[in-house]
N, C-alpha and C. Protein backbone atom coordinates (compact mmCIF):
# COMPACT_ATOMS: atom_id res chain seq x y z
N MET A 1 -9.90 -18.64 27.48
CA MET A 1 -9.49 -17.97 26.26
C MET A 1 -9.62 -18.95 25.11
N ALA A 2 -10.34 -18.53 24.08
CA ALA A 2 -10.50 -19.37 22.90
C ALA A 2 -9.28 -19.23 22.00
N VAL A 3 -8.72 -20.36 21.64
CA VAL A 3 -7.55 -20.36 20.78
C VAL A 3 -7.88 -21.16 19.53
N SER A 4 -7.47 -20.64 18.41
CA SER A 4 -7.69 -21.34 17.15
C SER A 4 -7.03 -22.71 17.22
N LYS A 5 -7.74 -23.71 16.71
CA LYS A 5 -7.21 -25.08 16.75
C LYS A 5 -6.11 -25.31 15.71
N THR A 6 -6.04 -24.46 14.72
CA THR A 6 -5.04 -24.64 13.69
C THR A 6 -3.77 -23.86 14.03
N LEU A 7 -2.65 -24.49 13.86
CA LEU A 7 -1.38 -23.83 14.13
C LEU A 7 -0.63 -23.52 12.85
N THR A 8 -1.22 -23.84 11.72
CA THR A 8 -0.57 -23.53 10.46
C THR A 8 -0.86 -22.09 10.07
N PHE A 9 0.10 -21.47 9.45
CA PHE A 9 -0.03 -20.09 9.04
C PHE A 9 -0.97 -20.00 7.84
N ASP A 10 -1.87 -19.04 7.84
CA ASP A 10 -2.84 -18.86 6.76
C ASP A 10 -2.22 -17.97 5.68
N TRP A 11 -1.50 -18.60 4.77
CA TRP A 11 -0.81 -17.88 3.71
C TRP A 11 -1.78 -17.21 2.75
N ALA A 12 -2.94 -17.82 2.55
CA ALA A 12 -3.94 -17.22 1.66
C ALA A 12 -4.43 -15.89 2.24
N PHE A 13 -4.66 -15.84 3.56
CA PHE A 13 -5.07 -14.59 4.18
C PHE A 13 -3.98 -13.52 4.00
N LEU A 14 -2.74 -13.90 4.25
CA LEU A 14 -1.64 -12.94 4.11
C LEU A 14 -1.56 -12.41 2.67
N PHE A 15 -1.69 -13.30 1.71
CA PHE A 15 -1.63 -12.87 0.31
C PHE A 15 -2.78 -11.92 -0.02
N GLN A 16 -3.99 -12.25 0.40
CA GLN A 16 -5.15 -11.39 0.14
C GLN A 16 -4.98 -10.03 0.82
N TRP A 17 -4.49 -10.02 2.04
CA TRP A 17 -4.26 -8.77 2.79
C TRP A 17 -3.20 -7.91 2.09
N MET A 18 -2.13 -8.55 1.66
CA MET A 18 -1.06 -7.84 0.97
C MET A 18 -1.57 -7.25 -0.34
N VAL A 19 -2.33 -8.01 -1.11
CA VAL A 19 -2.88 -7.51 -2.36
C VAL A 19 -3.84 -6.36 -2.10
N ALA A 20 -4.72 -6.49 -1.11
CA ALA A 20 -5.67 -5.42 -0.79
C ALA A 20 -4.94 -4.14 -0.41
N THR A 21 -3.91 -4.26 0.41
CA THR A 21 -3.17 -3.08 0.86
C THR A 21 -2.39 -2.46 -0.30
N THR A 22 -1.76 -3.28 -1.09
CA THR A 22 -0.98 -2.78 -2.24
C THR A 22 -1.89 -2.13 -3.27
N LEU A 23 -2.97 -2.78 -3.62
CA LEU A 23 -3.89 -2.26 -4.63
C LEU A 23 -4.52 -0.95 -4.15
N GLY A 24 -4.93 -0.89 -2.88
CA GLY A 24 -5.50 0.35 -2.34
C GLY A 24 -4.50 1.48 -2.39
N TRP A 25 -3.24 1.18 -2.07
CA TRP A 25 -2.19 2.19 -2.12
C TRP A 25 -1.99 2.72 -3.55
N ILE A 26 -1.92 1.80 -4.50
CA ILE A 26 -1.70 2.19 -5.89
C ILE A 26 -2.88 2.99 -6.44
N LEU A 27 -4.10 2.51 -6.23
CA LEU A 27 -5.27 3.21 -6.76
C LEU A 27 -5.44 4.60 -6.14
N GLY A 28 -5.14 4.72 -4.86
CA GLY A 28 -5.24 6.01 -4.20
C GLY A 28 -4.25 7.03 -4.74
N GLY A 29 -3.16 6.55 -5.29
CA GLY A 29 -2.15 7.44 -5.86
C GLY A 29 -2.64 8.23 -7.06
N PHE A 30 -3.76 7.82 -7.64
CA PHE A 30 -4.30 8.53 -8.79
C PHE A 30 -5.15 9.75 -8.41
N PHE A 31 -5.38 9.96 -7.11
CA PHE A 31 -6.15 11.11 -6.64
C PHE A 31 -5.19 12.22 -6.26
N ALA A 32 -4.90 13.09 -7.19
CA ALA A 32 -3.94 14.18 -6.97
C ALA A 32 -4.39 15.06 -5.81
N GLY A 33 -3.45 15.41 -4.97
CA GLY A 33 -3.71 16.30 -3.84
C GLY A 33 -4.15 15.57 -2.58
N LEU A 34 -4.97 14.57 -2.73
CA LEU A 34 -5.45 13.81 -1.57
C LEU A 34 -5.08 12.34 -1.69
N SER A 35 -3.99 12.05 -2.36
CA SER A 35 -3.66 10.65 -2.64
C SER A 35 -3.45 9.83 -1.37
N LEU A 36 -2.86 10.43 -0.34
CA LEU A 36 -2.62 9.67 0.89
C LEU A 36 -3.93 9.29 1.56
N VAL A 37 -4.83 10.23 1.69
CA VAL A 37 -6.13 9.95 2.31
C VAL A 37 -6.93 9.00 1.43
N ALA A 38 -6.94 9.23 0.12
CA ALA A 38 -7.66 8.34 -0.80
C ALA A 38 -7.09 6.92 -0.72
N SER A 39 -5.78 6.81 -0.66
CA SER A 39 -5.16 5.48 -0.53
C SER A 39 -5.62 4.80 0.74
N GLY A 40 -5.61 5.54 1.84
CA GLY A 40 -6.02 4.95 3.12
C GLY A 40 -7.45 4.47 3.11
N ILE A 41 -8.34 5.25 2.51
CA ILE A 41 -9.75 4.85 2.45
C ILE A 41 -9.91 3.64 1.53
N LEU A 42 -9.24 3.64 0.39
CA LEU A 42 -9.32 2.49 -0.52
C LEU A 42 -8.70 1.24 0.11
N ILE A 43 -7.62 1.42 0.83
CA ILE A 43 -7.01 0.28 1.54
C ILE A 43 -8.02 -0.29 2.54
N GLY A 44 -8.67 0.58 3.30
CA GLY A 44 -9.67 0.13 4.27
C GLY A 44 -10.81 -0.64 3.63
N ILE A 45 -11.27 -0.16 2.47
CA ILE A 45 -12.37 -0.84 1.76
C ILE A 45 -11.91 -2.22 1.29
N LEU A 46 -10.74 -2.29 0.69
CA LEU A 46 -10.25 -3.58 0.17
C LEU A 46 -9.91 -4.54 1.32
N GLN A 47 -9.38 -4.02 2.43
CA GLN A 47 -9.11 -4.89 3.58
C GLN A 47 -10.42 -5.39 4.19
N TRP A 48 -11.46 -4.57 4.14
CA TRP A 48 -12.77 -4.98 4.62
C TRP A 48 -13.23 -6.24 3.90
N LEU A 49 -12.97 -6.31 2.60
CA LEU A 49 -13.34 -7.50 1.84
C LEU A 49 -12.62 -8.74 2.36
N VAL A 50 -11.36 -8.57 2.76
CA VAL A 50 -10.58 -9.68 3.27
C VAL A 50 -11.06 -10.09 4.67
N LEU A 51 -11.55 -9.13 5.43
CA LEU A 51 -11.97 -9.40 6.81
C LEU A 51 -13.37 -10.02 6.92
N GLN A 52 -14.08 -10.09 5.81
CA GLN A 52 -15.40 -10.72 5.83
C GLN A 52 -15.28 -12.12 6.44
N ARG A 53 -16.18 -12.45 7.33
CA ARG A 53 -16.24 -13.76 8.00
C ARG A 53 -15.08 -14.01 8.96
N ARG A 54 -14.30 -12.99 9.23
CA ARG A 54 -13.19 -13.16 10.18
C ARG A 54 -13.41 -12.36 11.46
N ILE A 55 -14.16 -11.25 11.35
CA ILE A 55 -14.51 -10.47 12.53
C ILE A 55 -15.99 -10.09 12.45
N GLN A 56 -16.57 -9.76 13.61
CA GLN A 56 -17.94 -9.30 13.66
C GLN A 56 -17.99 -7.88 13.09
N HIS A 57 -19.02 -7.54 12.37
CA HIS A 57 -19.23 -6.19 11.84
C HIS A 57 -18.00 -5.64 11.12
N PRO A 58 -17.51 -6.31 10.11
CA PRO A 58 -16.29 -5.85 9.43
C PRO A 58 -16.43 -4.49 8.75
N TRP A 59 -17.65 -4.01 8.53
CA TRP A 59 -17.86 -2.68 7.93
C TRP A 59 -17.23 -1.59 8.78
N ARG A 60 -17.11 -1.83 10.09
CA ARG A 60 -16.50 -0.83 10.98
C ARG A 60 -15.04 -0.59 10.62
N TRP A 61 -14.41 -1.56 9.98
CA TRP A 61 -13.01 -1.43 9.58
C TRP A 61 -12.83 -0.28 8.59
N VAL A 62 -13.79 -0.12 7.69
CA VAL A 62 -13.71 0.95 6.69
C VAL A 62 -13.78 2.31 7.38
N ALA A 63 -14.75 2.48 8.28
CA ALA A 63 -14.89 3.75 9.00
C ALA A 63 -13.66 4.06 9.85
N ALA A 64 -13.16 3.06 10.54
CA ALA A 64 -11.98 3.25 11.39
C ALA A 64 -10.75 3.58 10.54
N SER A 65 -10.61 2.89 9.42
CA SER A 65 -9.47 3.16 8.54
C SER A 65 -9.52 4.58 8.01
N ALA A 66 -10.69 5.00 7.54
CA ALA A 66 -10.83 6.36 7.02
C ALA A 66 -10.53 7.39 8.10
N ALA A 67 -11.07 7.18 9.29
CA ALA A 67 -10.82 8.12 10.40
C ALA A 67 -9.34 8.16 10.76
N GLY A 68 -8.70 7.01 10.80
CA GLY A 68 -7.27 6.95 11.13
C GLY A 68 -6.41 7.65 10.10
N TRP A 69 -6.70 7.42 8.83
CA TRP A 69 -5.90 8.04 7.77
C TRP A 69 -6.11 9.55 7.74
N VAL A 70 -7.35 10.00 7.88
CA VAL A 70 -7.61 11.45 7.88
C VAL A 70 -6.95 12.11 9.09
N THR A 71 -7.11 11.51 10.26
CA THR A 71 -6.49 12.05 11.48
C THR A 71 -4.97 12.09 11.34
N GLY A 72 -4.39 10.98 10.92
CA GLY A 72 -2.94 10.92 10.76
C GLY A 72 -2.44 11.94 9.75
N TYR A 73 -3.15 12.07 8.65
CA TYR A 73 -2.78 13.04 7.61
C TYR A 73 -2.81 14.47 8.18
N LEU A 74 -3.88 14.79 8.90
CA LEU A 74 -3.99 16.14 9.46
C LEU A 74 -2.90 16.42 10.49
N VAL A 75 -2.59 15.46 11.32
CA VAL A 75 -1.52 15.64 12.31
C VAL A 75 -0.19 15.87 11.60
N VAL A 76 0.07 15.09 10.58
CA VAL A 76 1.34 15.22 9.85
C VAL A 76 1.42 16.56 9.13
N VAL A 77 0.37 16.90 8.40
CA VAL A 77 0.40 18.13 7.60
C VAL A 77 0.35 19.39 8.46
N LEU A 78 -0.49 19.38 9.48
CA LEU A 78 -0.65 20.58 10.31
C LEU A 78 0.35 20.66 11.45
N GLY A 79 0.82 19.51 11.91
CA GLY A 79 1.66 19.54 13.10
C GLY A 79 3.11 19.15 12.90
N LEU A 80 3.39 18.42 11.85
CA LEU A 80 4.75 17.95 11.59
C LEU A 80 5.23 18.51 10.26
N SER A 81 6.28 17.94 9.74
CA SER A 81 6.88 18.48 8.52
C SER A 81 6.05 18.25 7.28
N GLY A 82 5.30 17.16 7.21
CA GLY A 82 4.52 16.85 6.03
C GLY A 82 5.32 16.24 4.90
N GLY A 83 6.62 16.04 5.08
CA GLY A 83 7.45 15.46 4.03
C GLY A 83 7.64 13.97 4.15
N PHE A 84 6.90 13.35 5.00
CA PHE A 84 6.98 11.93 5.29
C PHE A 84 8.36 11.47 5.65
N GLU A 85 8.89 12.20 6.59
CA GLU A 85 10.12 11.81 7.23
C GLU A 85 9.78 10.63 8.14
N VAL A 86 10.73 10.15 8.88
CA VAL A 86 10.54 8.99 9.75
C VAL A 86 9.40 9.23 10.74
N LEU A 87 9.42 10.35 11.44
CA LEU A 87 8.39 10.63 12.44
C LEU A 87 7.00 10.71 11.81
N ASP A 88 6.92 11.29 10.63
CA ASP A 88 5.63 11.42 9.94
C ASP A 88 5.02 10.05 9.66
N SER A 89 5.82 9.12 9.17
CA SER A 89 5.30 7.80 8.84
C SER A 89 4.89 7.03 10.09
N ILE A 90 5.62 7.22 11.18
CA ILE A 90 5.26 6.56 12.44
C ILE A 90 3.96 7.13 12.98
N VAL A 91 3.81 8.45 12.93
CA VAL A 91 2.58 9.09 13.41
C VAL A 91 1.38 8.61 12.59
N LEU A 92 1.54 8.55 11.29
CA LEU A 92 0.46 8.07 10.44
C LEU A 92 0.10 6.63 10.78
N GLY A 93 1.10 5.77 10.91
CA GLY A 93 0.85 4.38 11.27
C GLY A 93 0.20 4.23 12.63
N LEU A 94 0.59 5.07 13.59
CA LEU A 94 -0.04 5.04 14.91
C LEU A 94 -1.50 5.48 14.85
N ALA A 95 -1.78 6.54 14.10
CA ALA A 95 -3.16 7.03 13.99
C ALA A 95 -4.06 5.96 13.36
N VAL A 96 -3.58 5.35 12.30
CA VAL A 96 -4.35 4.30 11.64
C VAL A 96 -4.49 3.10 12.58
N GLY A 97 -3.39 2.71 13.22
CA GLY A 97 -3.42 1.57 14.12
C GLY A 97 -4.34 1.76 15.30
N ILE A 98 -4.35 2.94 15.89
CA ILE A 98 -5.24 3.20 17.03
C ILE A 98 -6.70 3.14 16.59
N ALA A 99 -7.01 3.76 15.45
CA ALA A 99 -8.39 3.73 14.96
C ALA A 99 -8.84 2.30 14.66
N GLN A 100 -7.99 1.51 14.04
CA GLN A 100 -8.35 0.13 13.73
C GLN A 100 -8.37 -0.75 14.98
N TRP A 101 -7.55 -0.43 15.95
CA TRP A 101 -7.54 -1.17 17.22
C TRP A 101 -8.89 -1.08 17.90
N ILE A 102 -9.56 0.06 17.76
CA ILE A 102 -10.89 0.22 18.36
C ILE A 102 -11.85 -0.85 17.80
N VAL A 103 -11.69 -1.21 16.55
CA VAL A 103 -12.50 -2.27 15.95
C VAL A 103 -12.05 -3.64 16.44
N LEU A 104 -10.74 -3.84 16.54
CA LEU A 104 -10.20 -5.15 16.91
C LEU A 104 -10.32 -5.46 18.41
N LYS A 105 -10.31 -4.44 19.25
CA LYS A 105 -10.28 -4.66 20.71
C LYS A 105 -11.40 -5.55 21.22
N PRO A 106 -12.66 -5.31 20.85
CA PRO A 106 -13.70 -6.22 21.35
C PRO A 106 -13.68 -7.60 20.69
N GLU A 107 -12.93 -7.74 19.62
CA GLU A 107 -12.91 -8.97 18.84
C GLU A 107 -11.81 -9.94 19.24
N LEU A 108 -10.63 -9.39 19.57
CA LEU A 108 -9.44 -10.22 19.69
C LEU A 108 -8.69 -9.98 20.99
N HIS A 109 -8.21 -11.07 21.58
CA HIS A 109 -7.25 -10.94 22.66
C HIS A 109 -5.96 -10.41 22.05
N TRP A 110 -5.21 -9.69 22.78
CA TRP A 110 -3.92 -9.16 22.33
C TRP A 110 -4.04 -8.13 21.21
N ALA A 111 -5.21 -7.54 21.05
CA ALA A 111 -5.43 -6.58 19.96
C ALA A 111 -4.53 -5.36 20.08
N GLY A 112 -4.05 -5.03 21.26
CA GLY A 112 -3.17 -3.89 21.45
C GLY A 112 -1.89 -3.98 20.63
N TRP A 113 -1.48 -5.19 20.29
CA TRP A 113 -0.29 -5.36 19.46
C TRP A 113 -0.49 -4.80 18.06
N TRP A 114 -1.75 -4.62 17.66
CA TRP A 114 -2.02 -4.08 16.33
C TRP A 114 -1.41 -2.68 16.18
N ILE A 115 -1.44 -1.88 17.22
CA ILE A 115 -0.97 -0.49 17.13
C ILE A 115 0.52 -0.43 16.76
N PRO A 116 1.42 -1.08 17.49
CA PRO A 116 2.83 -0.99 17.08
C PRO A 116 3.11 -1.65 15.73
N PHE A 117 2.37 -2.70 15.40
CA PHE A 117 2.61 -3.34 14.10
C PHE A 117 2.12 -2.47 12.95
N SER A 118 1.03 -1.74 13.16
CA SER A 118 0.58 -0.78 12.15
C SER A 118 1.62 0.31 11.97
N ALA A 119 2.12 0.85 13.07
CA ALA A 119 3.16 1.89 12.99
C ALA A 119 4.40 1.36 12.29
N MET A 120 4.81 0.14 12.63
CA MET A 120 5.99 -0.46 12.00
C MET A 120 5.76 -0.72 10.52
N GLY A 121 4.58 -1.20 10.16
CA GLY A 121 4.27 -1.48 8.77
C GLY A 121 4.29 -0.23 7.90
N TRP A 122 3.66 0.83 8.38
CA TRP A 122 3.63 2.07 7.58
C TRP A 122 4.95 2.81 7.64
N PHE A 123 5.68 2.70 8.73
CA PHE A 123 7.03 3.27 8.79
C PHE A 123 7.90 2.60 7.73
N THR A 124 7.84 1.28 7.66
CA THR A 124 8.64 0.54 6.69
C THR A 124 8.24 0.90 5.26
N GLY A 125 6.94 0.93 5.01
CA GLY A 125 6.46 1.21 3.66
C GLY A 125 6.70 2.64 3.21
N LEU A 126 6.51 3.60 4.11
CA LEU A 126 6.63 5.01 3.73
C LEU A 126 8.05 5.56 3.86
N SER A 127 8.84 5.02 4.77
CA SER A 127 10.17 5.61 5.03
C SER A 127 11.34 4.73 4.61
N LEU A 128 11.26 3.45 4.89
CA LEU A 128 12.41 2.59 4.60
C LEU A 128 12.43 2.10 3.16
N LEU A 129 11.28 1.69 2.66
CA LEU A 129 11.20 1.13 1.31
C LEU A 129 10.08 1.78 0.51
N PRO A 130 10.09 3.10 0.38
CA PRO A 130 8.99 3.74 -0.34
C PRO A 130 9.05 3.45 -1.83
N GLY A 131 7.90 3.45 -2.44
CA GLY A 131 7.83 3.24 -3.88
C GLY A 131 6.40 2.95 -4.28
N PHE A 132 6.14 3.04 -5.56
CA PHE A 132 4.79 2.88 -6.07
C PHE A 132 4.18 1.55 -5.62
N PHE A 133 4.91 0.45 -5.74
CA PHE A 133 4.42 -0.85 -5.33
C PHE A 133 4.86 -1.22 -3.92
N LEU A 134 6.08 -0.86 -3.56
CA LEU A 134 6.64 -1.34 -2.30
C LEU A 134 5.97 -0.78 -1.06
N THR A 135 5.49 0.43 -1.09
CA THR A 135 4.90 1.01 0.11
C THR A 135 3.74 0.16 0.60
N GLY A 136 2.76 -0.08 -0.25
CA GLY A 136 1.61 -0.89 0.14
C GLY A 136 1.97 -2.33 0.41
N THR A 137 2.90 -2.86 -0.36
CA THR A 137 3.30 -4.26 -0.18
C THR A 137 3.97 -4.47 1.17
N MET A 138 4.91 -3.60 1.51
CA MET A 138 5.61 -3.77 2.80
C MET A 138 4.66 -3.59 3.97
N ALA A 139 3.82 -2.56 3.90
CA ALA A 139 2.84 -2.36 4.98
C ALA A 139 1.89 -3.54 5.04
N GLY A 140 1.48 -4.05 3.89
CA GLY A 140 0.57 -5.19 3.85
C GLY A 140 1.17 -6.46 4.41
N VAL A 141 2.43 -6.71 4.11
CA VAL A 141 3.08 -7.92 4.62
C VAL A 141 3.22 -7.84 6.15
N LEU A 142 3.74 -6.73 6.64
CA LEU A 142 3.97 -6.63 8.09
C LEU A 142 2.67 -6.64 8.89
N THR A 143 1.68 -5.87 8.44
CA THR A 143 0.42 -5.86 9.18
C THR A 143 -0.35 -7.16 8.96
N GLY A 144 -0.20 -7.76 7.78
CA GLY A 144 -0.88 -9.02 7.51
C GLY A 144 -0.39 -10.16 8.37
N VAL A 145 0.92 -10.25 8.57
CA VAL A 145 1.48 -11.28 9.45
C VAL A 145 0.95 -11.08 10.87
N ALA A 146 0.97 -9.83 11.34
CA ALA A 146 0.49 -9.54 12.69
C ALA A 146 -0.99 -9.90 12.83
N LEU A 147 -1.80 -9.50 11.87
CA LEU A 147 -3.23 -9.76 11.97
C LEU A 147 -3.55 -11.24 11.85
N GLU A 148 -2.83 -11.96 11.01
CA GLU A 148 -3.06 -13.40 10.90
C GLU A 148 -2.84 -14.07 12.26
N ILE A 149 -1.82 -13.65 12.97
CA ILE A 149 -1.55 -14.22 14.29
C ILE A 149 -2.60 -13.77 15.30
N LEU A 150 -2.96 -12.49 15.29
CA LEU A 150 -3.96 -11.97 16.24
C LEU A 150 -5.32 -12.64 16.03
N LEU A 151 -5.69 -12.94 14.80
CA LEU A 151 -6.98 -13.57 14.52
C LEU A 151 -7.09 -14.97 15.13
N ARG A 152 -6.01 -15.53 15.57
CA ARG A 152 -6.03 -16.85 16.21
C ARG A 152 -6.55 -16.79 17.65
N PHE A 153 -6.71 -15.57 18.18
CA PHE A 153 -7.11 -15.41 19.58
C PHE A 153 -8.39 -14.57 19.68
N PRO A 154 -9.49 -15.09 19.16
CA PRO A 154 -10.75 -14.33 19.20
C PRO A 154 -11.34 -14.31 20.61
N LYS A 155 -12.03 -13.21 20.93
CA LYS A 155 -12.77 -13.12 22.18
C LYS A 155 -14.18 -13.70 22.01
N LEU A 156 -14.70 -13.59 20.82
CA LEU A 156 -16.05 -14.05 20.51
C LEU A 156 -15.97 -15.21 19.55
N THR A 157 -17.09 -15.92 19.42
CA THR A 157 -17.15 -16.96 18.42
C THR A 157 -17.11 -16.31 17.05
N PRO A 158 -16.23 -16.77 16.17
CA PRO A 158 -16.15 -16.16 14.84
C PRO A 158 -17.47 -16.27 14.11
N PRO A 159 -17.80 -15.27 13.28
CA PRO A 159 -19.05 -15.35 12.53
C PRO A 159 -19.05 -16.52 11.56
N ARG A 160 -20.19 -17.09 11.37
CA ARG A 160 -20.31 -18.23 10.45
C ARG A 160 -20.52 -17.74 9.03
N SER A 161 -19.92 -18.45 8.10
CA SER A 161 -20.16 -18.09 6.70
C SER A 161 -21.52 -18.63 6.28
N HIS A 162 -22.18 -17.89 5.43
CA HIS A 162 -23.53 -18.28 5.01
C HIS A 162 -23.51 -18.90 3.66
């Protein structure tokens, strides 16, 4: 098993991830009617920028994020209350986490931990501390800490920067 030689926490990665998640959340809020799905897609695009040179084929992150957000949104709206109660936020976080896990699984050892951390991040952002800025920030901090740790255990040689 390849383990990252550095044991220091990558605060720059966490900050970039948090900003990407927060900014995507805020910008998506301007799309009336589809703000949740728009936020999710924008978050995926901005997170993709942060993932450059950290995983193979980072473009897959955008597709997985969009699929997870659309699936989660449809499950919540069609199958649950749609009012973003506790269960709704967990379901959304699970849908996004499972879709993104498909991208992370071939890349990282312990990638399965991404699913509960995604659910916890979006539960915290959408249910415990909702708000224009706080939702994306809380989800970004919790998922960013998890991903920073998971990125230390790659299955493949990390891509080289050009």
